[in-house]
């Protein structure tokens, strides 16, 4: 079902979308970083979540 209220994260969790404020909020909570850190990581390594997470853990 498309309207699964228990599934509140992004539809494509393999990519970080910094153009949607609710997704930025979700990703910053997941990675434990600030919006600025998240956006800088995406700018540095691209939108793939695994790459962004690895970059933020450095």
C-alpha atoms as a PDB file:
ATOM      1  CA  UNK A   1       0.000   0.000   0.000  1.00  0.00           C
ATOM      2  CA  UNK A   2       1.404   3.379  -0.977  1.00  0.00           C
ATOM      3  CA  UNK A   3       0.103   5.214   2.089  1.00  0.00           C
ATOM      4  CA  UNK A   4       1.891   3.164   4.737  1.00  0.00           C
ATOM      5  CA  UNK A   5       2.023   5.550   7.688  1.00  0.00           C
ATOM      6  CA  UNK A   6       4.662   3.425   9.428  1.00  0.00           C
ATOM      7  CA  UNK A   7       7.090   4.080   6.575  1.00  0.00           C
ATOM      8  CA  UNK A   8       7.953   7.739   7.101  1.00  0.00           C
ATOM      9  CA  UNK A   9      11.349   7.938   5.389  1.00  0.00           C
ATOM     10  CA  UNK A  10      12.199   8.786   1.798  1.00  0.00           C
ATOM     11  CA  UNK A  11      10.908   6.421  -0.883  1.00  0.00           C
ATOM     12  CA  UNK A  12      14.389   5.942  -2.313  1.00  0.00           C
ATOM     13  CA  UNK A  13      16.643   5.523   0.692  1.00  0.00           C
ATOM     14  CA  UNK A  14      19.678   4.931  -1.481  1.00  0.00           C
ATOM     15  CA  UNK A  15      19.760   8.615  -2.496  1.00  0.00           C
ATOM     16  CA  UNK A  16      19.876  11.766  -0.389  1.00  0.00           C
ATOM     17  CA  UNK A  17      17.612  14.552  -1.654  1.00  0.00           C
ATOM     18  CA  UNK A  18      18.656  17.905  -0.178  1.00  0.00           C
ATOM     19  CA  UNK A  19      15.959  19.765  -2.120  1.00  0.00           C
ATOM     20  CA  UNK A  20      13.104  18.573   0.127  1.00  0.00           C
ATOM     21  CA  UNK A  21      13.181  20.018   3.646  1.00  0.00           C
ATOM     22  CA  UNK A  22      11.451  16.998   5.207  1.00  0.00           C
ATOM     23  CA  UNK A  23      14.017  14.668   3.632  1.00  0.00           C
ATOM     24  CA  UNK A  24      16.887  16.840   4.868  1.00  0.00           C
ATOM     25  CA  UNK A  25      15.387  16.607   8.343  1.00  0.00           C
ATOM     26  CA  UNK A  26      15.075  12.815   8.058  1.00  0.00           C
ATOM     27  CA  UNK A  27      18.637  12.342   6.816  1.00  0.00           C
ATOM     28  CA  UNK A  28      20.175  14.652   9.434  1.00  0.00           C
ATOM     29  CA  UNK A  29      18.496  12.613  12.166  1.00  0.00           C
ATOM     30  CA  UNK A  30      19.635   9.352  10.580  1.00  0.00           C
ATOM     31  CA  UNK A  31      23.251  10.485  10.181  1.00  0.00           C
ATOM     32  CA  UNK A  32      23.420  12.658  13.319  1.00  0.00           C
ATOM     33  CA  UNK A  33      24.639  15.743  11.485  1.00  0.00           C
ATOM     34  CA  UNK A  34      23.559  19.289  10.742  1.00  0.00           C
ATOM     35  CA  UNK A  35      21.869  20.447   7.550  1.00  0.00           C
ATOM     36  CA  UNK A  36      25.057  22.240   6.524  1.00  0.00           C
ATOM     37  CA  UNK A  37      27.147  19.091   7.055  1.00  0.00           C
ATOM     38  CA  UNK A  38      24.669  17.002   5.063  1.00  0.00           C
ATOM     39  CA  UNK A  39      24.597  19.444   2.149  1.00  0.00           C
ATOM     40  CA  UNK A  40      28.395  19.728   2.152  1.00  0.00           C
ATOM     41  CA  UNK A  41      28.720  15.933   2.108  1.00  0.00           C
ATOM     42  CA  UNK A  42      26.297  15.640  -0.819  1.00  0.00           C
ATOM     43  CA  UNK A  43      28.233  18.334  -2.658  1.00  0.00           C
ATOM     44  CA  UNK A  44      31.513  16.510  -1.978  1.00  0.00           C
ATOM     45  CA  UNK A  45      30.548  12.902  -2.769  1.00  0.00           C
ATOM     46  CA  UNK A  46      27.192  12.981  -4.574  1.00  0.00           C
ATOM     47  CA  UNK A  47      23.709  11.821  -3.617  1.00  0.00           C
ATOM     48  CA  UNK A  48      24.290   8.131  -2.868  1.00  0.00           C
ATOM     49  CA  UNK A  49      23.415   7.577   0.802  1.00  0.00           C
ATOM     50  CA  UNK A  50      26.215   5.077   1.428  1.00  0.00           C
ATOM     51  CA  UNK A  51      28.812   7.567   0.115  1.00  0.00           C
ATOM     52  CA  UNK A  52      27.330  10.439   2.138  1.00  0.00           C
ATOM     53  CA  UNK A  53      27.314   8.319   5.301  1.00  0.00           C
ATOM     54  CA  UNK A  54      30.932   7.242   4.774  1.00  0.00           C
ATOM     55  CA  UNK A  55      31.967  10.854   4.200  1.00  0.00           C
ATOM     56  CA  UNK A  56      30.224  12.047   7.368  1.00  0.00           C
ATOM     57  CA  UNK A  57      31.849   9.290   9.459  1.00  0.00           C
ATOM     58  CA  UNK A  58      35.385  10.428   8.522  1.00  0.00           C
END
